[in-house]
């Protein structure tokens, strides 16, 4: 009778050990699955960031192209934010000409 009780106790302990091992394995699988999902999201974020940089660069090129269309005939100095006198107007108060054009700075966006 004692042997039967020991056998049942051993079987119960074995069942409990198997259950714990199965729970640990399930938890490890969930952790691995979560890590894979995080890696995928990071990859997607990096891809989106690279695409955004490309779009910003393209927008900057379009702005530069548009600026160059409107600044044809101005000197290179005026493209860099300098001034250019159009006529020989008399100086006004602080020494600036009435016919002075100031071109916007042509800044690179990327």
PDB file of N, CA and C in Angstrom:
ATOM      1  N   UNK A   1       0.820  -1.182   0.000  1.00  0.00           N
ATOM      2  CA  UNK A   1       0.000   0.000   0.000  1.00  0.00           C
ATOM      3  C   UNK A   1       0.876   1.264   0.000  1.00  0.00           C
ATOM      4  N   UNK A   2       1.956   1.207   0.737  1.00  0.00           N
ATOM      5  CA  UNK A   2       2.882   2.331   0.810  1.00  0.00           C
ATOM      6  C   UNK A   2       3.488   2.609  -0.565  1.00  0.00           C
ATOM      7  N   UNK A   3       3.814   1.582  -1.306  1.00  0.00           N
ATOM      8  CA  UNK A   3       4.404   1.729  -2.634  1.00  0.00           C
ATOM      9  C   UNK A   3       3.437   2.425  -3.587  1.00  0.00           C
ATOM     10  N   UNK A   4       2.166   2.121  -3.466  1.00  0.00           N
ATOM     11  CA  UNK A   4       1.144   2.735  -4.323  1.00  0.00           C
ATOM     12  C   UNK A   4       1.050   4.232  -4.009  1.00  0.00           C
ATOM     13  N   UNK A   5       1.081   4.567  -2.697  1.00  0.00           N
ATOM     14  CA  UNK A   5       1.023   5.978  -2.305  1.00  0.00           C
ATOM     15  C   UNK A   5       2.240   6.743  -2.840  1.00  0.00           C
ATOM     16  N   UNK A   6       3.418   6.112  -2.749  1.00  0.00           N
ATOM     17  CA  UNK A   6       4.632   6.747  -3.264  1.00  0.00           C
ATOM     18  C   UNK A   6       4.545   6.935  -4.778  1.00  0.00           C
ATOM     19  N   UNK A   7       4.022   5.934  -5.473  1.00  0.00           N
ATOM     20  CA  UNK A   7       3.887   6.004  -6.919  1.00  0.00           C
ATOM     21  C   UNK A   7       2.942   7.145  -7.309  1.00  0.00           C
ATOM     22  N   UNK A   8       1.822   7.275  -6.614  1.00  0.00           N
ATOM     23  CA  UNK A   8       0.850   8.341  -6.878  1.00  0.00           C
ATOM     24  C   UNK A   8       1.484   9.698  -6.571  1.00  0.00           C
ATOM     25  N   UNK A   9       2.236   9.793  -5.500  1.00  0.00           N
ATOM     26  CA  UNK A   9       2.908  11.035  -5.129  1.00  0.00           C
ATOM     27  C   UNK A   9       3.940  11.429  -6.193  1.00  0.00           C
ATOM     28  N   UNK A  10       4.696  10.430  -6.676  1.00  0.00           N
ATOM     29  CA  UNK A  10       5.687  10.690  -7.724  1.00  0.00           C
ATOM     30  C   UNK A  10       5.011  11.149  -9.024  1.00  0.00           C
ATOM     31  N   UNK A  11       3.888  10.524  -9.350  1.00  0.00           N
ATOM     32  CA  UNK A  11       3.149  10.892 -10.568  1.00  0.00           C
ATOM     33  C   UNK A  11       2.614  12.328 -10.453  1.00  0.00           C
ATOM     34  N   UNK A  12       2.140  12.662  -9.260  1.00  0.00           N
ATOM     35  CA  UNK A  12       1.629  14.007  -9.025  1.00  0.00           C
ATOM     36  C   UNK A  12       2.750  15.038  -9.150  1.00  0.00           C
ATOM     37  N   UNK A  13       3.916  14.710  -8.578  1.00  0.00           N
ATOM     38  CA  UNK A  13       5.071  15.611  -8.652  1.00  0.00           C
ATOM     39  C   UNK A  13       5.533  15.754 -10.105  1.00  0.00           C
ATOM     40  N   UNK A  14       5.510  14.654 -10.852  1.00  0.00           N
ATOM     41  CA  UNK A  14       5.913  14.682 -12.259  1.00  0.00           C
ATOM     42  C   UNK A  14       4.956  15.548 -13.071  1.00  0.00           C
ATOM     43  N   UNK A  15       3.641  15.388 -12.827  1.00  0.00           N
ATOM     44  CA  UNK A  15       2.632  16.191 -13.518  1.00  0.00           C
ATOM     45  C   UNK A  15       2.844  17.679 -13.226  1.00  0.00           C
ATOM     46  N   UNK A  16       3.131  17.998 -11.953  1.00  0.00           N
ATOM     47  CA  UNK A  16       3.354  19.379 -11.550  1.00  0.00           C
ATOM     48  C   UNK A  16       4.608  19.940 -12.241  1.00  0.00           C
ATOM     49  N   UNK A  17       5.686  19.170 -12.304  1.00  0.00           N
ATOM     50  CA  UNK A  17       6.928  19.601 -12.948  1.00  0.00           C
ATOM     51  C   UNK A  17       6.702  19.839 -14.444  1.00  0.00           C
ATOM     52  N   UNK A  18       5.950  18.928 -15.085  1.00  0.00           N
ATOM     53  CA  UNK A  18       5.650  19.094 -16.508  1.00  0.00           C
ATOM     54  C   UNK A  18       4.822  20.353 -16.750  1.00  0.00           C
ATOM     55  N   UNK A  19       3.868  20.597 -15.866  1.00  0.00           N
ATOM     56  CA  UNK A  19       3.012  21.769 -15.998  1.00  0.00           C
ATOM     57  C   UNK A  19       3.837  23.057 -15.860  1.00  0.00           C
ATOM     58  N   UNK A  20       4.729  23.089 -14.901  1.00  0.00           N
ATOM     59  CA  UNK A  20       5.591  24.257 -14.704  1.00  0.00           C
ATOM     60  C   UNK A  20       6.511  24.466 -15.906  1.00  0.00           C
ATOM     61  N   UNK A  21       7.075  23.386 -16.427  1.00  0.00           N
ATOM     62  CA  UNK A  21       7.959  23.486 -17.584  1.00  0.00           C
ATOM     63  C   UNK A  21       7.179  24.004 -18.794  1.00  0.00           C
ATOM     64  N   UNK A  22       5.953  23.508 -18.942  1.00  0.00           N
ATOM     65  CA  UNK A  22       5.127  23.953 -20.057  1.00  0.00           C
ATOM     66  C   UNK A  22       4.786  25.437 -19.917  1.00  0.00           C
ATOM     67  N   UNK A  23       4.495  25.886 -18.709  1.00  0.00           N
ATOM     68  CA  UNK A  23       4.199  27.310 -18.463  1.00  0.00           C
ATOM     69  C   UNK A  23       5.412  28.180 -18.780  1.00  0.00           C
ATOM     70  N   UNK A  24       6.595  27.744 -18.359  1.00  0.00           N
ATOM     71  CA  UNK A  24       7.827  28.491 -18.642  1.00  0.00           C
ATOM     72  C   UNK A  24       8.080  28.572 -20.146  1.00  0.00           C
ATOM     73  N   UNK A  25       7.877  27.457 -20.838  1.00  0.00           N
ATOM     74  CA  UNK A  25       8.083  27.433 -22.285  1.00  0.00           C
ATOM     75  C   UNK A  25       7.109  28.382 -22.985  1.00  0.00           C
ATOM     76  N   UNK A  26       5.867  28.394 -22.519  1.00  0.00           N
ATOM     77  CA  UNK A  26       4.864  29.275 -23.101  1.00  0.00           C
ATOM     78  C   UNK A  26       5.257  30.742 -22.880  1.00  0.00           C
ATOM     79  N   UNK A  27       5.723  31.073 -21.688  1.00  0.00           N
ATOM     80  CA  UNK A  27       6.142  32.439 -21.380  1.00  0.00           C
ATOM     81  C   UNK A  27       7.337  32.838 -22.249  1.00  0.00           C
ATOM     82  N   UNK A  28       8.300  31.929 -22.440  1.00  0.00           N
ATOM     83  CA  UNK A  28       9.466  32.217 -23.273  1.00  0.00           C
ATOM     84  C   UNK A  28       9.047  32.444 -24.727  1.00  0.00           C
ATOM     85  N   UNK A  29       8.078  31.665 -25.199  1.00  0.00           N
ATOM     86  CA  UNK A  29       7.584  31.844 -26.570  1.00  0.00           C
ATOM     87  C   UNK A  29       6.912  33.209 -26.725  1.00  0.00           C
ATOM     88  N   UNK A  30       6.156  33.613 -25.728  1.00  0.00           N
ATOM     89  CA  UNK A  30       5.497  34.923 -25.774  1.00  0.00           C
ATOM     90  C   UNK A  30       6.534  36.052 -25.786  1.00  0.00           C
ATOM     91  N   UNK A  31       7.582  35.905 -24.986  1.00  0.00           N
ATOM     92  CA  UNK A  31       8.646  36.910 -24.961  1.00  0.00           C
ATOM     93  C   UNK A  31       9.338  36.981 -26.325  1.00  0.00           C
ATOM     94  N   UNK A  32       9.627  35.821 -26.903  1.00  0.00           N
ATOM     95  CA  UNK A  32      10.270  35.794 -28.219  1.00  0.00           C
ATOM     96  C   UNK A  32       9.365  36.428 -29.274  1.00  0.00           C
ATOM     97  N   UNK A  33       8.080  36.144 -29.204  1.00  0.00           N
ATOM     98  CA  UNK A  33       7.122  36.711 -30.154  1.00  0.00           C
ATOM     99  C   UNK A  33       7.072  38.238 -30.011  1.00  0.00           C
ATOM    100  N   UNK A  34       7.086  38.714 -28.775  1.00  0.00           N
ATOM    101  CA  UNK A  34       7.072  40.153 -28.521  1.00  0.00           C
ATOM    102  C   UNK A  34       8.342  40.803 -29.057  1.00  0.00           C
ATOM    103  N   UNK A  35       9.482  40.160 -28.870  1.00  0.00           N
ATOM    104  CA  UNK A  35      10.745  40.709 -29.382  1.00  0.00           C
ATOM    105  C   UNK A  35      10.709  40.813 -30.906  1.00  0.00           C
ATOM    106  N   UNK A  36      10.145  39.817 -31.553  1.00  0.00           N
ATOM    107  CA  UNK A  36      10.034  39.846 -33.019  1.00  0.00           C
ATOM    108  C   UNK A  36       9.133  40.994 -33.447  1.00  0.00           C
ATOM    109  N   UNK A  37       8.008  41.174 -32.753  1.00  0.00           N
ATOM    110  CA  UNK A  37       7.090  42.266 -33.081  1.00  0.00           C
ATOM    111  C   UNK A  37       7.759  43.630 -32.890  1.00  0.00           C
ATOM    112  N   UNK A  38       8.526  43.778 -31.813  1.00  0.00           N
ATOM    113  CA  UNK A  38       9.238  45.039 -31.555  1.00  0.00           C
ATOM    114  C   UNK A  38      10.261  45.288 -32.658  1.00  0.00           C
ATOM    115  N   UNK A  39      10.987  44.248 -33.056  1.00  0.00           N
ATOM    116  CA  UNK A  39      11.979  44.396 -34.123  1.00  0.00           C
ATOM    117  C   UNK A  39      11.306  44.819 -35.429  1.00  0.00           C
ATOM    118  N   UNK A  40      10.150  44.251 -35.728  1.00  0.00           N
ATOM    119  CA  UNK A  40       9.419  44.629 -36.945  1.00  0.00           C
ATOM    120  C   UNK A  40       8.989  46.088 -36.885  1.00  0.00           C
ATOM    121  N   UNK A  41       8.490  46.523 -35.726  1.00  0.00           N
ATOM    122  CA  UNK A  41       8.060  47.915 -35.586  1.00  0.00           C
ATOM    123  C   UNK A  41       9.233  48.874 -35.713  1.00  0.00           C
ATOM    124  N   UNK A  42      10.384  48.516 -35.155  1.00  0.00           N
ATOM    125  CA  UNK A  42      11.577  49.348 -35.288  1.00  0.00           C
ATOM    126  C   UNK A  42      12.007  49.455 -36.749  1.00  0.00           C
ATOM    127  N   UNK A  43      11.947  48.331 -37.462  1.00  0.00           N
ATOM    128  CA  UNK A  43      12.297  48.339 -38.877  1.00  0.00           C
ATOM    129  C   UNK A  43      11.349  49.251 -39.650  1.00  0.00           C
ATOM    130  N   UNK A  44      10.057  49.156 -39.357  1.00  0.00           N
ATOM    131  CA  UNK A  44       9.068  50.008 -40.027  1.00  0.00           C
ATOM    132  C   UNK A  44       9.325  51.482 -39.720  1.00  0.00           C
ATOM    133  N   UNK A  45       9.668  51.782 -38.472  1.00  0.00           N
ATOM    134  CA  UNK A  45       9.929  53.171 -38.079  1.00  0.00           C
ATOM    135  C   UNK A  45      11.161  53.719 -38.799  1.00  0.00           C
ATOM    136  N   UNK A  46      12.214  52.908 -38.901  1.00  0.00           N
ATOM    137  CA  UNK A  46      13.421  53.345 -39.599  1.00  0.00           C
ATOM    138  C   UNK A  46      13.131  53.574 -41.080  1.00  0.00           C
ATOM    139  N   UNK A  47      12.333  52.695 -41.657  1.00  0.00           N
ATOM    140  CA  UNK A  47      11.973  52.840 -43.064  1.00  0.00           C
ATOM    141  C   UNK A  47      11.164  54.123 -43.275  1.00  0.00           C
ATOM    142  N   UNK A  48      10.199  54.362 -42.390  1.00  0.00           N
ATOM    143  CA  UNK A  48       9.372  55.571 -42.497  1.00  0.00           C
ATOM    144  C   UNK A  48      10.229  56.824 -42.330  1.00  0.00           C
ATOM    145  N   UNK A  49      11.183  56.782 -41.426  1.00  0.00           N
ATOM    146  CA  UNK A  49      12.060  57.936 -41.213  1.00  0.00           C
ATOM    147  C   UNK A  49      12.914  58.203 -42.454  1.00  0.00           C
ATOM    148  N   UNK A  50      13.419  57.132 -43.073  1.00  0.00           N
ATOM    149  CA  UNK A  50      14.216  57.300 -44.289  1.00  0.00           C
ATOM    150  C   UNK A  50      13.354  57.876 -45.412  1.00  0.00           C
ATOM    151  N   UNK A  51      12.123  57.378 -45.544  1.00  0.00           N
ATOM    152  CA  UNK A  51      11.221  57.904 -46.570  1.00  0.00           C
ATOM    153  C   UNK A  51      10.903  59.379 -46.312  1.00  0.00           C
ATOM    154  N   UNK A  52      10.731  59.730 -45.038  1.00  0.00           N
ATOM    155  CA  UNK A  52      10.447  61.119 -44.692  1.00  0.00           C
ATOM    156  C   UNK A  52      11.627  62.013 -45.087  1.00  0.00           C
ATOM    157  N   UNK A  53      12.841  61.560 -44.834  1.00  0.00           N
ATOM    158  CA  UNK A  53      14.021  62.345 -45.205  1.00  0.00           C
ATOM    159  C   UNK A  53      14.080  62.545 -46.713  1.00  0.00           C
ATOM    160  N   UNK A  54      13.710  61.510 -47.461  1.00  0.00           N
ATOM    161  CA  UNK A  54      13.700  61.631 -48.917  1.00  0.00           C
ATOM    162  C   UNK A  54      12.683  62.674 -49.349  1.00  0.00           C
ATOM    163  N   UNK A  55      11.492  62.644 -48.747  1.00  0.00           N
ATOM    164  CA  UNK A  55      10.457  63.616 -49.098  1.00  0.00           C
ATOM    165  C   UNK A  55      10.880  65.040 -48.739  1.00  0.00           C
ATOM    166  N   UNK A  56      11.520  65.196 -47.599  1.00  0.00           N
ATOM    167  CA  UNK A  56      11.990  66.525 -47.191  1.00  0.00           C
ATOM    168  C   UNK A  56      13.057  67.017 -48.171  1.00  0.00           C
ATOM    169  N   UNK A  57      13.944  66.128 -48.579  1.00  0.00           N
ATOM    170  CA  UNK A  57      14.987  66.510 -49.535  1.00  0.00           C
ATOM    171  C   UNK A  57      14.364  66.913 -50.871  1.00  0.00           C
ATOM    172  N   UNK A  58      13.364  66.151 -51.318  1.00  0.00           N
ATOM    173  CA  UNK A  58      12.694  66.494 -52.569  1.00  0.00           C
ATOM    174  C   UNK A  58      11.995  67.845 -52.451  1.00  0.00           C
ATOM    175  N   UNK A  59      11.361  68.089 -51.330  1.00  0.00           N
ATOM    176  CA  UNK A  59      10.696  69.382 -51.126  1.00  0.00           C
ATOM    177  C   UNK A  59      11.726  70.502 -51.140  1.00  0.00           C
ATOM    178  N   UNK A  60      12.868  70.294 -50.527  1.00  0.00           N
ATOM    179  CA  UNK A  60      13.933  71.293 -50.529  1.00  0.00           C
ATOM    180  C   UNK A  60      14.434  71.568 -51.934  1.00  0.00           C
ATOM    181  N   UNK A  61      14.564  70.511 -52.740  1.00  0.00           N
ATOM    182  CA  UNK A  61      14.992  70.693 -54.122  1.00  0.00           C
ATOM    183  C   UNK A  61      13.958  71.507 -54.899  1.00  0.00           C
ATOM    184  N   UNK A  62      12.680  71.234 -54.664  1.00  0.00           N
ATOM    185  CA  UNK A  62      11.627  71.988 -55.349  1.00  0.00           C
ATOM    186  C   UNK A  62      11.664  73.458 -54.940  1.00  0.00           C
ATOM    187  N   UNK A  63      11.895  73.718 -53.664  1.00  0.00           N
ATOM    188  CA  UNK A  63      11.988  75.098 -53.190  1.00  0.00           C
ATOM    189  C   UNK A  63      13.183  75.785 -53.844  1.00  0.00           C
ATOM    190  N   UNK A  64      14.322  75.106 -53.874  1.00  0.00           N
ATOM    191  CA  UNK A  64      15.508  75.685 -54.502  1.00  0.00           C
ATOM    192  C   UNK A  64      15.266  75.964 -55.981  1.00  0.00           C
ATOM    193  N   UNK A  65      14.603  75.031 -56.648  1.00  0.00           N
ATOM    194  CA  UNK A  65      14.302  75.224 -58.066  1.00  0.00           C
ATOM    195  C   UNK A  65      13.377  76.422 -58.260  1.00  0.00           C
ATOM    196  N   UNK A  66      12.375  76.550 -57.394  1.00  0.00           N
ATOM    197  CA  UNK A  66      11.435  77.665 -57.493  1.00  0.00           C
ATOM    198  C   UNK A  66      12.146  78.989 -57.215  1.00  0.00           C
ATOM    199  N   UNK A  67      13.024  79.001 -56.228  1.00  0.00           N
ATOM    200  CA  UNK A  67      13.792  80.216 -55.916  1.00  0.00           C
ATOM    201  C   UNK A  67      14.662  80.592 -57.097  1.00  0.00           C
ATOM    202  N   UNK A  68      15.295  79.590 -57.721  1.00  0.00           N
ATOM    203  CA  UNK A  68      16.170  79.900 -58.848  1.00  0.00           C
ATOM    204  C   UNK A  68      15.371  80.434 -60.039  1.00  0.00           C
ATOM    205  N   UNK A  69      14.125  80.005 -60.198  1.00  0.00           N
ATOM    206  CA  UNK A  69      13.288  80.538 -61.276  1.00  0.00           C
ATOM    207  C   UNK A  69      13.035  82.027 -61.083  1.00  0.00           C
ATOM    208  N   UNK A  70      12.863  82.436 -59.847  1.00  0.00           N
ATOM    209  CA  UNK A  70      12.508  83.814 -59.546  1.00  0.00           C
ATOM    210  C   UNK A  70      13.713  84.714 -59.339  1.00  0.00           C
ATOM    211  N   UNK A  71      14.899  84.146 -59.321  1.00  0.00           N
ATOM    212  CA  UNK A  71      16.087  84.961 -59.093  1.00  0.00           C
ATOM    213  C   UNK A  71      16.985  84.999 -60.318  1.00  0.00           C
ATOM    214  N   UNK A  72      16.463  84.646 -61.489  1.00  0.00           N
ATOM    215  CA  UNK A  72      17.248  84.712 -62.721  1.00  0.00           C
ATOM    216  C   UNK A  72      17.627  86.169 -62.969  1.00  0.00           C
ATOM    217  N   UNK A  73      18.859  86.405 -63.285  1.00  0.00           N
ATOM    218  CA  UNK A  73      19.319  87.755 -63.555  1.00  0.00           C
ATOM    219  C   UNK A  73      19.959  88.423 -62.351  1.00  0.00           C
ATOM    220  N   UNK A  74      19.770  87.875 -61.171  1.00  0.00           N
ATOM    221  CA  UNK A  74      20.425  88.450 -59.993  1.00  0.00           C
ATOM    222  C   UNK A  74      21.816  87.861 -59.872  1.00  0.00           C
ATOM    223  N   UNK A  75      22.716  88.602 -59.273  1.00  0.00           N
ATOM    224  CA  UNK A  75      24.083  88.116 -59.145  1.00  0.00           C
ATOM    225  C   UNK A  75      24.166  87.013 -58.099  1.00  0.00           C
ATOM    226  N   UNK A  76      25.274  86.297 -58.094  1.00  0.00           N
ATOM    227  CA  UNK A  76      25.490  85.219 -57.127  1.00  0.00           C
ATOM    228  C   UNK A  76      25.479  85.759 -55.703  1.00  0.00           C
ATOM    229  N   UNK A  77      25.982  86.978 -55.495  1.00  0.00           N
ATOM    230  CA  UNK A  77      25.985  87.584 -54.167  1.00  0.00           C
ATOM    231  C   UNK A  77      24.571  87.762 -53.647  1.00  0.00           C
ATOM    232  N   UNK A  78      23.657  88.113 -54.534  1.00  0.00           N
ATOM    233  CA  UNK A  78      22.288  88.342 -54.077  1.00  0.00           C
ATOM    234  C   UNK A  78      21.598  87.036 -53.714  1.00  0.00           C
ATOM    235  N   UNK A  79      22.013  85.919 -54.296  1.00  0.00           N
ATOM    236  CA  UNK A  79      21.451  84.628 -53.922  1.00  0.00           C
ATOM    237  C   UNK A  79      21.861  84.230 -52.515  1.00  0.00           C
ATOM    238  N   UNK A  80      22.956  84.781 -52.066  1.00  0.00           N
ATOM    239  CA  UNK A  80      23.428  84.459 -50.730  1.00  0.00           C
ATOM    240  C   UNK A  80      22.948  85.465 -49.702  1.00  0.00           C
ATOM    241  N   UNK A  81      21.950  86.261 -50.038  1.00  0.00           N
ATOM    242  CA  UNK A  81      21.388  87.191 -49.078  1.00  0.00           C
ATOM    243  C   UNK A  81      21.946  88.584 -49.199  1.00  0.00           C
ATOM    244  N   UNK A  82      22.727  88.863 -50.238  1.00  0.00           N
ATOM    245  CA  UNK A  82      23.301  90.185 -50.430  1.00  0.00           C
ATOM    246  C   UNK A  82      22.274  91.126 -51.050  1.00  0.00           C
ATOM    247  N   UNK A  83      22.693  92.356 -51.328  1.00  0.00           N
ATOM    248  CA  UNK A  83      21.786  93.316 -51.953  1.00  0.00           C
ATOM    249  C   UNK A  83      22.364  93.762 -53.278  1.00  0.00           C
ATOM    250  N   UNK A  84      21.468  94.252 -54.147  1.00  0.00           N
ATOM    251  CA  UNK A  84      21.898  94.722 -55.449  1.00  0.00           C
ATOM    252  C   UNK A  84      21.114  95.979 -55.789  1.00  0.00           C
ATOM    253  N   UNK A  85      21.817  97.045 -56.126  1.00  0.00           N
ATOM    254  CA  UNK A  85      21.157  98.289 -56.504  1.00  0.00           C
ATOM    255  C   UNK A  85      20.662  98.185 -57.935  1.00  0.00           C
ATOM    256  N   UNK A  86      19.412  98.578 -58.140  1.00  0.00           N
ATOM    257  CA  UNK A  86      18.843  98.541 -59.485  1.00  0.00           C
ATOM    258  C   UNK A  86      19.089  99.865 -60.195  1.00  0.00           C
ATOM    259  N   UNK A  87      18.930 100.961 -59.495  1.00  0.00           N
ATOM    260  CA  UNK A  87      19.106 102.268 -60.138  1.00  0.00           C
ATOM    261  C   UNK A  87      20.039 103.140 -59.334  1.00  0.00           C
ATOM    262  N   UNK A  88      20.257 104.333 -59.848  1.00  0.00           N
ATOM    263  CA  UNK A  88      21.118 105.286 -59.149  1.00  0.00           C
ATOM    264  C   UNK A  88      20.265 106.264 -58.371  1.00  0.00           C
ATOM    265  N   UNK A  89      19.450 105.752 -57.469  1.00  0.00           N
ATOM    266  CA  UNK A  89      18.590 106.610 -56.661  1.00  0.00           C
ATOM    267  C   UNK A  89      19.406 107.257 -55.566  1.00  0.00           C
ATOM    268  N   UNK A  90      18.971 108.408 -55.116  1.00  0.00           N
ATOM    269  CA  UNK A  90      19.679 109.046 -53.995  1.00  0.00           C
ATOM    270  C   UNK A  90      19.527 108.212 -52.728  1.00  0.00           C
ATOM    271  N   UNK A  91      20.538 108.257 -51.892  1.00  0.00           N
ATOM    272  CA  UNK A  91      20.472 107.521 -50.627  1.00  0.00           C
ATOM    273  C   UNK A  91      19.455 108.166 -49.706  1.00  0.00           C
ATOM    274  N   UNK A  92      18.806 107.317 -48.922  1.00  0.00           N
ATOM    275  CA  UNK A  92      17.782 107.794 -48.001  1.00  0.00           C
ATOM    276  C   UNK A  92      18.311 107.630 -46.586  1.00  0.00           C
ATOM    277  N   UNK A  93      18.249 108.661 -45.803  1.00  0.00           N
ATOM    278  CA  UNK A  93      18.567 108.698 -44.381  1.00  0.00           C
ATOM    279  C   UNK A  93      19.722 107.825 -43.927  1.00  0.00           C
ATOM    280  N   UNK A  94      19.557 106.503 -43.879  1.00  0.00           N
ATOM    281  CA  UNK A  94      20.565 105.626 -43.293  1.00  0.00           C
ATOM    282  C   UNK A  94      21.510 105.038 -44.332  1.00  0.00           C
ATOM    283  N   UNK A  95      21.427 105.472 -45.565  1.00  0.00           N
ATOM    284  CA  UNK A  95      22.384 105.043 -46.563  1.00  0.00           C
ATOM    285  C   UNK A  95      21.906 103.911 -47.449  1.00  0.00           C
ATOM    286  N   UNK A  96      20.636 103.534 -47.410  1.00  0.00           N
ATOM    287  CA  UNK A  96      20.141 102.488 -48.290  1.00  0.00           C
ATOM    288  C   UNK A  96      19.435 103.112 -49.476  1.00  0.00           C
ATOM    289  N   UNK A  97      19.495 102.448 -50.590  1.00  0.00           N
ATOM    290  CA  UNK A  97      18.844 102.924 -51.801  1.00  0.00           C
ATOM    291  C   UNK A  97      17.381 102.524 -51.785  1.00  0.00           C
ATOM    292  N   UNK A  98      16.535 103.313 -52.407  1.00  0.00           N
ATOM    293  CA  UNK A  98      15.112 102.963 -52.490  1.00  0.00           C
ATOM    294  C   UNK A  98      14.907 101.758 -53.388  1.00  0.00           C
ATOM    295  N   UNK A  99      15.782 101.545 -54.356  1.00  0.00           N
ATOM    296  CA  UNK A  99      15.635 100.466 -55.322  1.00  0.00           C
ATOM    297  C   UNK A  99      16.585  99.314 -55.012  1.00  0.00           C
ATOM    298  N   UNK A 100      16.610  98.870 -53.796  1.00  0.00           N
ATOM    299  CA  UNK A 100      17.489  97.778 -53.410  1.00  0.00           C
ATOM    300  C   UNK A 100      16.662  96.507 -53.272  1.00  0.00           C
ATOM    301  N   UNK A 101      17.156  95.445 -53.871  1.00  0.00           N
ATOM    302  CA  UNK A 101      16.479  94.146 -53.774  1.00  0.00           C
ATOM    303  C   UNK A 101      17.310  93.266 -52.859  1.00  0.00           C
ATOM    304  N   UNK A 102      16.654  92.625 -51.925  1.00  0.00           N
ATOM    305  CA  UNK A 102      17.334  91.676 -51.064  1.00  0.00           C
ATOM    306  C   UNK A 102      16.787  90.298 -51.401  1.00  0.00           C
ATOM    307  N   UNK A 103      17.660  89.423 -51.861  1.00  0.00           N
ATOM    308  CA  UNK A 103      17.241  88.058 -52.224  1.00  0.00           C
ATOM    309  C   UNK A 103      17.256  87.191 -50.986  1.00  0.00           C
ATOM    310  N   UNK A 104      16.320  86.238 -50.886  1.00  0.00           N
ATOM    311  CA  UNK A 104      16.311  85.339 -49.723  1.00  0.00           C
ATOM    312  C   UNK A 104      17.516  84.414 -49.764  1.00  0.00           C
ATOM    313  N   UNK A 105      17.937  83.976 -48.600  1.00  0.00           N
ATOM    314  CA  UNK A 105      19.036  83.028 -48.538  1.00  0.00           C
ATOM    315  C   UNK A 105      18.581  81.709 -49.134  1.00  0.00           C
ATOM    316  N   UNK A 106      19.430  81.118 -49.916  1.00  0.00           N
ATOM    317  CA  UNK A 106      19.128  79.828 -50.525  1.00  0.00           C
ATOM    318  C   UNK A 106      19.731  78.763 -49.620  1.00  0.00           C
ATOM    319  N   UNK A 107      18.930  78.300 -48.650  1.00  0.00           N
ATOM    320  CA  UNK A 107      19.430  77.334 -47.660  1.00  0.00           C
ATOM    321  C   UNK A 107      19.114  75.910 -48.117  1.00  0.00           C
ATOM    322  N   UNK A 108      20.002  75.015 -47.814  1.00  0.00           N
ATOM    323  CA  UNK A 108      19.770  73.607 -48.099  1.00  0.00           C
ATOM    324  C   UNK A 108      18.951  73.008 -46.972  1.00  0.00           C
ATOM    325  N   UNK A 109      18.055  72.122 -47.308  1.00  0.00           N
ATOM    326  CA  UNK A 109      17.138  71.567 -46.326  1.00  0.00           C
ATOM    327  C   UNK A 109      17.585  70.217 -45.798  1.00  0.00           C
ATOM    328  N   UNK A 110      18.543  69.622 -46.384  1.00  0.00           N
ATOM    329  CA  UNK A 110      19.025  68.326 -45.897  1.00  0.00           C
ATOM    330  C   UNK A 110      20.515  68.316 -45.852  1.00  0.00           C
TER     331      UNK A 110
END
